[in-house]
Amino acid sequence: MILNRPFELDPAEYPFTDRWLPYRDGYIHYVDEGQGPAILLLHGNPTWSYLYRNVIKELRTEFRLIAPDYPGFGMSKAPDGTALRHRSIRKPFRI
């Protein structure tokens, strides 16, 4: 799935390749950078993967860093009718 960013970002601040995962009638945006042991970076509320931009830039030479935007946060689109509650946010990640 290839989508355009819903808003512009300074490429020096957020120089990552966008990745998209279809989720119901929405989609989940995520960053997947680097090689090595994987680290999953989960943001809080009301933030998004941008929170981890400097961590990703610093550690991507040693680790694979995966930072999703929860549905309705950052560049992800929540499915229609989704209430932003703890259970609905974590459902696509099967936590």
Foldseek 3Di string as FASTA:
>chain_A
DDDDFPDDDDCVLAVFDWDWADDAPWIKIKGWAADEAEDEDEDDPPAFCSVCSVVCVVCRPHYTYMTIGFDPHHRIHHPPPDDPDPCSRCVVVPD
